[in-house]
Amino acid sequence: MKITVIVCTYNRCHTLAQALNSLAAQTMPEPVEWEVLVVDNNSSDQTGEVVKDFCRRHPSRFRYLFQSQSGKSHALNMAIREARGDVLAFTDDDVAVDPIWLYNLTVPLDDDNWAGVGGRTFPGQPFSPPRWLSIEEPYNLGGALCALFDLGDKPCELRRAPYGTNMAFRKAMFEKYGGFRLDL
């Protein structure tokens, strides 16, 4: 299996380094090839310098792309086209992942029955939503706005789409069905 981890970023150099450090610390079995592809979506801060530093320190692991067309879907679609992996894992520029995140996320895709997977996401701590924003119901807008995706701790078939920070799909699914919508 070849995996590309995709991180799209825009003016988040202050959180990006922590996210990339957590990705650099991933532990994967030896036969698995994997890379981290960071797409800078026209940032005006030091995002480019942060990513290029990781590319220098980890030349076989990190790659940098610049997407001048604003909008996350443009950045995601560029990453999908340029990805070397046959499995594409997605995370965000403000998320620090556990050292076994990538393994746990992608191991179900060793089984050809699955086109993609998604995992639990929780708001950063400490977190306290405003009183008017309910995150108690599993399918409400408050949960989506707070990046809360929790279907429990047991594997199950997904009946709704996961959020972008903890999901992986076979690249063939994008080739078959297309990329992310550009009108969002």
C-alpha atoms as a PDB file:
ATOM      1  CA  MET A   1       0.000   0.000   0.000  1.00  0.00           C
ATOM      2  CA  LYS A   2       1.175   3.533  -0.812  1.00  0.00           C
ATOM      3  CA  ILE A   3      -0.366   6.334   1.242  1.00  0.00           C
ATOM      4  CA  THR A   4      -0.427  10.090   0.751  1.00  0.00           C
ATOM      5  CA  VAL A   5      -1.431  12.181   3.758  1.00  0.00           C
ATOM      6  CA  ILE A   6      -2.992  15.427   2.520  1.00  0.00           C
ATOM      7  CA  VAL A   7      -2.877  18.637   4.550  1.00  0.00           C
ATOM      8  CA  CYS A   8      -4.317  21.800   3.013  1.00  0.00           C
ATOM      9  CA  THR A   9      -3.438  25.025   4.781  1.00  0.00           C
ATOM     10  CA  TYR A  10      -4.134  28.733   4.643  1.00  0.00           C
ATOM     11  CA  ASN A  11      -2.388  31.236   6.937  1.00  0.00           C
ATOM     12  CA  ARG A  12      -1.996  28.796   9.814  1.00  0.00           C
ATOM     13  CA  CYS A  13       1.778  28.737  10.211  1.00  0.00           C
ATOM     14  CA  HIS A  14       1.312  29.039  14.010  1.00  0.00           C
ATOM     15  CA  THR A  15      -0.508  25.655  14.235  1.00  0.00           C
ATOM     16  CA  LEU A  16       0.926  23.965  11.155  1.00  0.00           C
ATOM     17  CA  ALA A  17       4.332  23.137  12.672  1.00  0.00           C
ATOM     18  CA  GLN A  18       2.713  21.161  15.500  1.00  0.00           C
ATOM     19  CA  ALA A  19       0.502  19.290  13.027  1.00  0.00           C
ATOM     20  CA  LEU A  20       3.478  18.435  10.797  1.00  0.00           C
ATOM     21  CA  ASN A  21       5.588  17.367  13.789  1.00  0.00           C
ATOM     22  CA  SER A  22       2.867  14.892  14.737  1.00  0.00           C
ATOM     23  CA  LEU A  23       2.789  13.558  11.173  1.00  0.00           C
ATOM     24  CA  ALA A  24       6.580  13.191  11.083  1.00  0.00           C
ATOM     25  CA  ALA A  25       6.319  10.999  14.199  1.00  0.00           C
ATOM     26  CA  GLN A  26       3.982   8.441  12.586  1.00  0.00           C
ATOM     27  CA  THR A  27       4.935   4.788  12.955  1.00  0.00           C
ATOM     28  CA  MET A  28       4.050   2.577  10.023  1.00  0.00           C
ATOM     29  CA  PRO A  29       5.032  -1.009   9.166  1.00  0.00           C
ATOM     30  CA  GLU A  30       8.130  -1.200   6.962  1.00  0.00           C
ATOM     31  CA  PRO A  31       6.563  -2.302   3.661  1.00  0.00           C
ATOM     32  CA  VAL A  32       4.122   0.629   3.640  1.00  0.00           C
ATOM     33  CA  GLU A  33       5.287   3.637   1.619  1.00  0.00           C
ATOM     34  CA  TRP A  34       3.848   6.968   2.708  1.00  0.00           C
ATOM     35  CA  GLU A  35       4.286  10.680   2.182  1.00  0.00           C
ATOM     36  CA  VAL A  36       2.847  13.924   3.528  1.00  0.00           C
ATOM     37  CA  LEU A  37       1.692  16.366   0.847  1.00  0.00           C
ATOM     38  CA  VAL A  38       1.079  19.893   2.124  1.00  0.00           C
ATOM     39  CA  VAL A  39      -0.830  22.290  -0.130  1.00  0.00           C
ATOM     40  CA  ASP A  40      -0.411  25.967   0.702  1.00  0.00           C
ATOM     41  CA  ASN A  41      -3.635  27.619  -0.445  1.00  0.00           C
ATOM     42  CA  ASN A  42      -2.201  31.067  -1.220  1.00  0.00           C
ATOM     43  CA  SER A  43      -1.074  31.912   2.322  1.00  0.00           C
ATOM     44  CA  SER A  44       0.398  35.329   3.080  1.00  0.00           C
ATOM     45  CA  ASP A  45       2.108  34.344   6.351  1.00  0.00           C
ATOM     46  CA  GLN A  46       5.168  32.105   6.886  1.00  0.00           C
ATOM     47  CA  THR A  47       3.336  28.900   5.921  1.00  0.00           C
ATOM     48  CA  GLY A  48       5.635  28.236   2.966  1.00  0.00           C
ATOM     49  CA  GLU A  49       8.761  28.550   5.103  1.00  0.00           C
ATOM     50  CA  VAL A  50       7.353  26.197   7.762  1.00  0.00           C
ATOM     51  CA  VAL A  51       6.564  23.503   5.183  1.00  0.00           C
ATOM     52  CA  LYS A  52       9.841  23.917   3.293  1.00  0.00           C
ATOM     53  CA  ASP A  53      11.700  23.410   6.585  1.00  0.00           C
ATOM     54  CA  PHE A  54       9.949  20.048   7.025  1.00  0.00           C
ATOM     55  CA  CYS A  55      10.771  19.161   3.413  1.00  0.00           C
ATOM     56  CA  ARG A  56      14.469  19.878   4.115  1.00  0.00           C
ATOM     57  CA  ARG A  57      14.482  17.873   7.344  1.00  0.00           C
ATOM     58  CA  HIS A  58      12.422  14.970   5.934  1.00  0.00           C
ATOM     59  CA  PRO A  59      13.096  15.021   2.166  1.00  0.00           C
ATOM     60  CA  SER A  60      11.660  11.585   1.458  1.00  0.00           C
ATOM     61  CA  ARG A  61       8.555  12.173   3.577  1.00  0.00           C
ATOM     62  CA  PHE A  62       7.249  15.741   2.987  1.00  0.00           C
ATOM     63  CA  ARG A  63       6.314  17.537  -0.236  1.00  0.00           C
ATOM     64  CA  TYR A  64       5.103  21.122  -0.701  1.00  0.00           C
ATOM     65  CA  LEU A  65       2.684  22.457  -3.310  1.00  0.00           C
ATOM     66  CA  PHE A  66       1.400  25.999  -3.759  1.00  0.00           C
ATOM     67  CA  GLN A  67      -2.158  26.530  -4.983  1.00  0.00           C
ATOM     68  CA  SER A  68      -2.856  30.144  -5.933  1.00  0.00           C
ATOM     69  CA  GLN A  69      -6.575  29.558  -6.555  1.00  0.00           C
ATOM     70  CA  SER A  70      -8.278  30.306  -3.252  1.00  0.00           C
ATOM     71  CA  GLY A  71     -10.628  27.747  -1.729  1.00  0.00           C
ATOM     72  CA  LYS A  72     -10.007  24.490   0.097  1.00  0.00           C
ATOM     73  CA  SER A  73     -11.607  22.368  -2.623  1.00  0.00           C
ATOM     74  CA  HIS A  74      -9.107  23.732  -5.158  1.00  0.00           C
ATOM     75  CA  ALA A  75      -6.266  22.796  -2.805  1.00  0.00           C
ATOM     76  CA  LEU A  76      -7.724  19.347  -2.105  1.00  0.00           C
ATOM     77  CA  ASN A  77      -8.236  18.571  -5.790  1.00  0.00           C
ATOM     78  CA  MET A  78      -4.673  19.649  -6.601  1.00  0.00           C
ATOM     79  CA  ALA A  79      -3.391  17.344  -3.859  1.00  0.00           C
ATOM     80  CA  ILE A  80      -5.449  14.432  -5.169  1.00  0.00           C
ATOM     81  CA  ARG A  81      -3.996  14.915  -8.671  1.00  0.00           C
ATOM     82  CA  GLU A  82      -0.424  15.153  -7.360  1.00  0.00           C
ATOM     83  CA  ALA A  83      -0.635  12.393  -4.726  1.00  0.00           C
ATOM     84  CA  ARG A  84       1.621   9.384  -5.250  1.00  0.00           C
ATOM     85  CA  GLY A  85      -0.382   7.110  -2.969  1.00  0.00           C
ATOM     86  CA  ASP A  86      -3.175   4.770  -3.898  1.00  0.00           C
ATOM     87  CA  VAL A  87      -4.751   5.612  -0.515  1.00  0.00           C
ATOM     88  CA  LEU A  88      -5.323   9.265   0.408  1.00  0.00           C
ATOM     89  CA  ALA A  89      -5.564  10.205   4.091  1.00  0.00           C
ATOM     90  CA  PHE A  90      -6.822  13.641   5.095  1.00  0.00           C
ATOM     91  CA  THR A  91      -6.078  15.737   8.168  1.00  0.00           C
ATOM     92  CA  ASP A  92      -6.078  19.448   8.988  1.00  0.00           C
ATOM     93  CA  ASP A  93      -3.409  22.049   9.660  1.00  0.00           C
ATOM     94  CA  ASP A  94      -4.534  22.580  13.249  1.00  0.00           C
ATOM     95  CA  VAL A  95      -4.680  18.913  14.286  1.00  0.00           C
ATOM     96  CA  ALA A  96      -2.010  16.953  16.125  1.00  0.00           C
ATOM     97  CA  VAL A  97      -2.418  13.228  15.529  1.00  0.00           C
ATOM     98  CA  ASP A  98      -1.356  10.267  17.630  1.00  0.00           C
ATOM     99  CA  PRO A  99       1.793   8.382  16.433  1.00  0.00           C
ATOM    100  CA  ILE A 100      -0.324   5.431  15.284  1.00  0.00           C
ATOM    101  CA  TRP A 101      -3.081   7.540  13.685  1.00  0.00           C
ATOM    102  CA  LEU A 102      -2.129   6.795  10.089  1.00  0.00           C
ATOM    103  CA  TYR A 103      -1.816   3.065  10.693  1.00  0.00           C
ATOM    104  CA  ASN A 104      -5.144   2.841  12.525  1.00  0.00           C
ATOM    105  CA  LEU A 105      -6.903   4.946   9.902  1.00  0.00           C
ATOM    106  CA  THR A 106      -5.643   3.075   6.842  1.00  0.00           C
ATOM    107  CA  VAL A 107      -5.395  -0.563   7.979  1.00  0.00           C
ATOM    108  CA  PRO A 108      -9.088  -1.242   7.129  1.00  0.00           C
ATOM    109  CA  LEU A 109      -8.263  -0.371   3.505  1.00  0.00           C
ATOM    110  CA  ASP A 110      -6.104  -3.499   3.271  1.00  0.00           C
ATOM    111  CA  ASP A 111      -9.498  -5.147   2.732  1.00  0.00           C
ATOM    112  CA  ASP A 112     -10.689  -4.491  -0.826  1.00  0.00           C
ATOM    113  CA  ASN A 113     -14.316  -4.356   0.355  1.00  0.00           C
ATOM    114  CA  TRP A 114     -13.939  -0.769   1.591  1.00  0.00           C
ATOM    115  CA  ALA A 115     -13.607   2.380  -0.493  1.00  0.00           C
ATOM    116  CA  GLY A 116     -12.904   4.662   2.441  1.00  0.00           C
ATOM    117  CA  VAL A 117     -12.832   5.057   6.191  1.00  0.00           C
ATOM    118  CA  GLY A 118     -13.439   7.780   8.740  1.00  0.00           C
ATOM    119  CA  GLY A 119     -12.570   8.135  12.367  1.00  0.00           C
ATOM    120  CA  ARG A 120     -13.613   9.975  15.481  1.00  0.00           C
ATOM    121  CA  THR A 121     -12.814  13.658  15.828  1.00  0.00           C
ATOM    122  CA  PHE A 122     -13.183  15.815  18.899  1.00  0.00           C
ATOM    123  CA  PRO A 123     -12.810  19.553  19.472  1.00  0.00           C
ATOM    124  CA  GLY A 124      -9.522  20.604  21.020  1.00  0.00           C
ATOM    125  CA  GLN A 125      -9.356  20.912  24.792  1.00  0.00           C
ATOM    126  CA  PRO A 126     -10.224  22.968  26.654  1.00  0.00           C
ATOM    127  CA  PHE A 127     -13.383  23.486  24.654  1.00  0.00           C
ATOM    128  CA  SER A 128     -16.643  24.996  25.735  1.00  0.00           C
ATOM    129  CA  PRO A 129     -19.260  25.724  23.058  1.00  0.00           C
ATOM    130  CA  PRO A 130     -21.420  28.802  23.409  1.00  0.00           C
ATOM    131  CA  ARG A 131     -24.781  28.141  25.097  1.00  0.00           C
ATOM    132  CA  TRP A 132     -26.688  28.604  21.860  1.00  0.00           C
ATOM    133  CA  LEU A 133     -24.691  25.882  20.049  1.00  0.00           C
ATOM    134  CA  SER A 134     -25.801  22.327  20.798  1.00  0.00           C
ATOM    135  CA  ILE A 135     -23.322  19.537  20.131  1.00  0.00           C
ATOM    136  CA  GLU A 136     -25.275  16.834  21.967  1.00  0.00           C
ATOM    137  CA  GLU A 137     -27.148  15.402  18.988  1.00  0.00           C
ATOM    138  CA  PRO A 138     -25.003  13.187  16.726  1.00  0.00           C
ATOM    139  CA  TYR A 139     -26.091  14.715  13.393  1.00  0.00           C
ATOM    140  CA  ASN A 140     -26.531  18.393  14.149  1.00  0.00           C
ATOM    141  CA  LEU A 141     -24.885  21.504  12.764  1.00  0.00           C
ATOM    142  CA  GLY A 142     -23.167  22.271  16.085  1.00  0.00           C
ATOM    143  CA  GLY A 143     -21.267  19.002  15.938  1.00  0.00           C
ATOM    144  CA  ALA A 144     -20.182  19.724  12.374  1.00  0.00           C
ATOM    145  CA  LEU A 145     -19.055  23.264  13.199  1.00  0.00           C
ATOM    146  CA  CYS A 146     -17.010  21.968  16.126  1.00  0.00           C
ATOM    147  CA  ALA A 147     -15.540  19.061  14.112  1.00  0.00           C
ATOM    148  CA  LEU A 148     -17.245  16.550  16.379  1.00  0.00           C
ATOM    149  CA  PHE A 149     -17.625  13.181  14.665  1.00  0.00           C
ATOM    150  CA  ASP A 150     -18.153  10.309  17.066  1.00  0.00           C
ATOM    151  CA  LEU A 151     -19.917   7.086  16.151  1.00  0.00           C
ATOM    152  CA  GLY A 152     -18.372   5.234  19.078  1.00  0.00           C
ATOM    153  CA  ASP A 153     -15.195   3.294  19.610  1.00  0.00           C
ATOM    154  CA  LYS A 154     -16.164   0.123  17.720  1.00  0.00           C
ATOM    155  CA  PRO A 155     -15.673  -0.291  13.958  1.00  0.00           C
ATOM    156  CA  CYS A 156     -18.901   0.107  12.005  1.00  0.00           C
ATOM    157  CA  GLU A 157     -20.126   0.776   8.512  1.00  0.00           C
ATOM    158  CA  LEU A 158     -20.474   4.520   7.974  1.00  0.00           C
ATOM    159  CA  ARG A 159     -23.939   5.775   7.085  1.00  0.00           C
ATOM    160  CA  ARG A 160     -22.822   9.395   6.711  1.00  0.00           C
ATOM    161  CA  ALA A 161     -19.713  11.129   5.464  1.00  0.00           C
ATOM    162  CA  PRO A 162     -16.878  11.700   7.936  1.00  0.00           C
ATOM    163  CA  TYR A 163     -15.335  15.137   8.437  1.00  0.00           C
ATOM    164  CA  GLY A 164     -12.177  15.980   6.540  1.00  0.00           C
ATOM    165  CA  THR A 165      -9.694  15.809   9.376  1.00  0.00           C
ATOM    166  CA  ASN A 166      -9.781  12.049   9.950  1.00  0.00           C
ATOM    167  CA  MET A 167     -10.692  10.155   6.805  1.00  0.00           C
ATOM    168  CA  ALA A 168      -9.023   8.134   4.047  1.00  0.00           C
ATOM    169  CA  PHE A 169     -10.181   6.933   0.632  1.00  0.00           C
ATOM    170  CA  ARG A 170      -8.766   4.955  -2.227  1.00  0.00           C
ATOM    171  CA  LYS A 171      -7.505   7.357  -4.882  1.00  0.00           C
ATOM    172  CA  ALA A 172      -9.472   5.318  -7.425  1.00  0.00           C
ATOM    173  CA  MET A 173     -12.707   6.646  -5.870  1.00  0.00           C
ATOM    174  CA  PHE A 174     -11.746  10.208  -6.838  1.00  0.00           C
ATOM    175  CA  GLU A 175     -10.736   9.040 -10.310  1.00  0.00           C
ATOM    176  CA  LYS A 176     -14.119   7.339 -10.670  1.00  0.00           C
ATOM    177  CA  TYR A 177     -16.407   9.946  -9.052  1.00  0.00           C
ATOM    178  CA  GLY A 178     -14.413  13.182  -9.272  1.00  0.00           C
ATOM    179  CA  GLY A 179     -12.890  15.529  -6.742  1.00  0.00           C
ATOM    180  CA  PHE A 180     -14.291  17.909  -4.182  1.00  0.00           C
ATOM    181  CA  ARG A 181     -16.975  20.359  -5.303  1.00  0.00           C
ATOM    182  CA  LEU A 182     -15.573  23.727  -6.331  1.00  0.00           C
ATOM    183  CA  ASP A 183     -18.806  25.627  -5.687  1.00  0.00           C
ATOM    184  CA  LEU A 184     -18.595  25.257  -1.891  1.00  0.00           C
END
